[in-house]
N, C-alpha and C. Protein backbone atom coordinates (compact mmCIF):
# COMPACT_ATOMS: atom_id res chain seq x y z
N UNK A 1 117.15 51.07 84.64
CA UNK A 1 117.72 49.95 83.90
C UNK A 1 116.61 49.31 83.07
N UNK A 2 116.96 48.89 81.89
CA UNK A 2 115.97 48.25 81.01
C UNK A 2 115.60 46.87 81.55
N UNK A 3 114.36 46.51 81.34
CA UNK A 3 113.86 45.25 81.90
C UNK A 3 114.61 44.03 81.36
N UNK A 4 114.99 44.04 80.08
CA UNK A 4 115.69 42.88 79.55
C UNK A 4 117.05 42.67 80.23
N UNK A 5 117.70 43.75 80.64
CA UNK A 5 118.96 43.63 81.37
C UNK A 5 118.73 43.08 82.78
N UNK A 6 117.65 43.52 83.41
CA UNK A 6 117.31 43.00 84.75
C UNK A 6 117.01 41.51 84.65
N UNK A 7 116.24 41.11 83.65
CA UNK A 7 115.89 39.70 83.46
C UNK A 7 117.16 38.87 83.24
N UNK A 8 118.09 39.36 82.44
CA UNK A 8 119.35 38.63 82.20
C UNK A 8 120.14 38.49 83.49
N UNK A 9 120.19 39.54 84.32
CA UNK A 9 120.90 39.46 85.59
C UNK A 9 120.26 38.43 86.52
N UNK A 10 118.94 38.44 86.55
CA UNK A 10 118.22 37.51 87.42
C UNK A 10 118.42 36.07 86.94
N UNK A 11 118.28 35.82 85.64
CA UNK A 11 118.44 34.45 85.15
C UNK A 11 119.87 33.96 85.34
N UNK A 12 120.84 34.85 85.24
CA UNK A 12 122.23 34.47 85.49
C UNK A 12 122.41 34.03 86.95
N UNK A 13 121.81 34.77 87.87
CA UNK A 13 121.89 34.41 89.30
C UNK A 13 121.16 33.09 89.57
N UNK A 14 119.99 32.92 88.95
CA UNK A 14 119.25 31.67 89.14
C UNK A 14 120.04 30.48 88.60
N UNK A 15 120.68 30.65 87.44
CA UNK A 15 121.53 29.59 86.89
C UNK A 15 122.68 29.26 87.85
N UNK A 16 123.29 30.29 88.40
CA UNK A 16 124.42 30.09 89.32
C UNK A 16 124.00 29.32 90.57
N UNK A 17 122.77 29.51 91.00
CA UNK A 17 122.27 28.82 92.20
C UNK A 17 121.63 27.48 91.87
N UNK A 18 121.52 27.14 90.58
CA UNK A 18 120.94 25.87 90.19
C UNK A 18 119.43 25.82 90.30
N UNK A 19 118.79 26.97 90.25
CA UNK A 19 117.33 27.05 90.35
C UNK A 19 116.74 26.92 88.95
N UNK A 20 115.78 26.02 88.79
CA UNK A 20 115.09 25.87 87.50
C UNK A 20 114.03 26.96 87.40
N UNK A 21 113.88 27.52 86.20
CA UNK A 21 112.96 28.63 86.03
C UNK A 21 112.43 28.68 84.60
N UNK A 22 111.36 29.45 84.42
CA UNK A 22 110.80 29.71 83.11
C UNK A 22 110.46 31.19 83.03
N UNK A 23 110.98 31.87 82.02
CA UNK A 23 110.72 33.29 81.82
C UNK A 23 109.50 33.43 80.92
N UNK A 24 108.56 34.24 81.35
CA UNK A 24 107.37 34.53 80.55
C UNK A 24 107.61 35.88 79.88
N UNK A 25 107.77 35.86 78.57
CA UNK A 25 108.02 37.08 77.82
C UNK A 25 109.38 37.04 77.14
N UNK A 26 109.60 38.00 76.26
CA UNK A 26 110.87 38.12 75.54
C UNK A 26 111.10 39.60 75.21
N UNK A 27 112.17 39.88 74.45
CA UNK A 27 112.52 41.26 74.14
C UNK A 27 111.36 42.03 73.52
N UNK A 28 110.60 41.35 72.67
CA UNK A 28 109.50 42.01 71.98
C UNK A 28 108.37 42.39 72.94
N UNK A 29 108.01 41.48 73.82
CA UNK A 29 106.94 41.80 74.77
C UNK A 29 107.42 42.82 75.81
N UNK A 30 108.72 42.80 76.14
CA UNK A 30 109.26 43.77 77.08
C UNK A 30 109.19 45.18 76.50
N UNK A 31 109.35 45.31 75.19
CA UNK A 31 109.28 46.62 74.54
C UNK A 31 107.86 47.19 74.61
N UNK A 32 106.87 46.32 74.58
CA UNK A 32 105.48 46.76 74.64
C UNK A 32 105.08 47.10 76.07
N UNK A 33 105.43 46.22 76.99
CA UNK A 33 105.08 46.40 78.39
C UNK A 33 106.29 46.04 79.25
N UNK A 34 106.80 46.97 80.04
CA UNK A 34 108.02 46.71 80.82
C UNK A 34 107.77 45.85 82.06
N UNK A 35 107.17 44.67 81.86
CA UNK A 35 106.92 43.74 82.95
C UNK A 35 107.38 42.35 82.53
N UNK A 36 107.70 41.55 83.52
CA UNK A 36 108.11 40.17 83.25
C UNK A 36 107.76 39.31 84.45
N UNK A 37 107.42 38.07 84.18
CA UNK A 37 107.18 37.09 85.23
C UNK A 37 108.11 35.92 85.00
N UNK A 38 108.73 35.46 86.08
CA UNK A 38 109.61 34.29 86.03
C UNK A 38 109.07 33.29 87.05
N UNK A 39 108.83 32.07 86.60
CA UNK A 39 108.34 31.03 87.50
C UNK A 39 109.47 30.07 87.83
N UNK A 40 109.58 29.72 89.13
CA UNK A 40 110.46 28.64 89.56
C UNK A 40 109.54 27.54 90.08
N UNK A 41 110.11 26.51 90.68
CA UNK A 41 109.26 25.43 91.20
C UNK A 41 108.28 25.91 92.26
N UNK A 42 108.71 26.85 93.12
CA UNK A 42 107.87 27.27 94.23
C UNK A 42 107.69 28.78 94.33
N UNK A 43 108.19 29.54 93.37
CA UNK A 43 108.13 31.00 93.45
C UNK A 43 107.64 31.61 92.14
N UNK A 44 107.05 32.78 92.30
CA UNK A 44 106.73 33.62 91.16
C UNK A 44 107.47 34.93 91.36
N UNK A 45 108.34 35.24 90.42
CA UNK A 45 109.11 36.48 90.47
C UNK A 45 108.47 37.43 89.47
N UNK A 46 108.12 38.61 89.94
CA UNK A 46 107.54 39.61 89.05
C UNK A 46 108.43 40.84 89.01
N UNK A 47 108.69 41.31 87.80
CA UNK A 47 109.48 42.52 87.62
C UNK A 47 108.56 43.51 86.92
N UNK A 48 108.39 44.66 87.54
CA UNK A 48 107.52 45.68 86.99
C UNK A 48 108.13 47.05 87.28
N UNK A 49 108.54 47.76 86.22
CA UNK A 49 109.14 49.09 86.37
C UNK A 49 110.29 49.09 87.38
N UNK A 50 111.21 48.17 87.22
CA UNK A 50 112.42 48.04 88.05
C UNK A 50 112.13 47.63 89.50
N UNK A 51 110.92 47.20 89.80
CA UNK A 51 110.59 46.69 91.13
C UNK A 51 110.46 45.17 91.02
N UNK A 52 111.06 44.48 91.97
CA UNK A 52 111.07 43.02 91.95
C UNK A 52 110.28 42.51 93.16
N UNK A 53 109.38 41.56 92.89
CA UNK A 53 108.68 40.89 93.98
C UNK A 53 108.83 39.39 93.82
N UNK A 54 108.88 38.70 94.95
CA UNK A 54 108.94 37.24 94.98
C UNK A 54 107.75 36.78 95.81
N UNK A 55 106.85 36.06 95.18
CA UNK A 55 105.62 35.62 95.85
C UNK A 55 104.94 36.79 96.56
N UNK A 56 104.87 37.91 95.86
CA UNK A 56 104.23 39.15 96.31
C UNK A 56 104.96 39.83 97.47
N UNK A 57 106.19 39.43 97.78
CA UNK A 57 107.01 40.13 98.77
C UNK A 57 108.04 40.97 98.02
N UNK A 58 108.13 42.24 98.36
CA UNK A 58 109.06 43.14 97.68
C UNK A 58 110.51 42.77 98.02
N UNK A 59 111.36 42.79 97.01
CA UNK A 59 112.79 42.56 97.19
C UNK A 59 113.51 43.88 96.96
N UNK A 60 114.51 44.17 97.80
CA UNK A 60 115.25 45.42 97.68
C UNK A 60 116.12 45.46 96.44
N UNK A 61 116.71 44.30 96.12
CA UNK A 61 117.59 44.21 94.95
C UNK A 61 117.67 42.74 94.54
N UNK A 62 118.52 42.45 93.58
CA UNK A 62 118.61 41.08 93.05
C UNK A 62 119.15 40.11 94.11
N UNK A 63 120.10 40.56 94.92
CA UNK A 63 120.63 39.69 95.98
C UNK A 63 119.55 39.34 97.00
N UNK A 64 118.74 40.31 97.38
CA UNK A 64 117.64 40.07 98.30
C UNK A 64 116.63 39.12 97.67
N UNK A 65 116.39 39.28 96.36
CA UNK A 65 115.48 38.40 95.64
C UNK A 65 115.98 36.95 95.70
N UNK A 66 117.28 36.76 95.46
CA UNK A 66 117.86 35.42 95.50
C UNK A 66 117.70 34.81 96.88
N UNK A 67 117.92 35.60 97.93
CA UNK A 67 117.75 35.10 99.30
C UNK A 67 116.31 34.63 99.53
N UNK A 68 115.34 35.42 99.07
CA UNK A 68 113.93 35.03 99.22
C UNK A 68 113.63 33.74 98.47
N UNK A 69 114.16 33.61 97.27
CA UNK A 69 113.91 32.42 96.46
C UNK A 69 114.53 31.19 97.08
N UNK A 70 115.79 31.30 97.50
CA UNK A 70 116.47 30.14 98.09
C UNK A 70 115.79 29.70 99.38
N UNK A 71 115.28 30.66 100.14
CA UNK A 71 114.56 30.34 101.37
C UNK A 71 113.35 29.45 101.06
N UNK A 72 112.65 29.76 99.99
CA UNK A 72 111.46 28.99 99.63
C UNK A 72 111.83 27.70 98.89
N UNK A 73 112.73 27.80 97.93
CA UNK A 73 113.06 26.65 97.07
C UNK A 73 113.76 25.52 97.85
N UNK A 74 114.69 25.88 98.73
CA UNK A 74 115.53 24.85 99.33
C UNK A 74 115.31 24.64 100.83
N UNK A 75 114.76 25.62 101.51
CA UNK A 75 114.68 25.51 102.97
C UNK A 75 113.28 25.31 103.50
N UNK A 76 112.27 25.41 102.63
CA UNK A 76 110.90 25.19 103.12
C UNK A 76 110.60 23.70 103.07
N UNK A 77 109.63 23.30 103.86
CA UNK A 77 109.28 21.89 103.94
C UNK A 77 108.21 21.55 102.94
């Protein structure tokens, strides 16, 4: 899957959960290098060659990524 489609899926999920985020990069930079970083208040999401990590922990898929983010964003002290 192309990185821009993965980024759109992730940002849609983050919007649905009410998580504030900032995407580093755009379509042009994705064409040069298939990597993206998304920052939330307490997490760094990295997408590199269809692999997703949250705070350097590998996520199996987008749903797993959301679970990791919500655990940190809303349930940590």
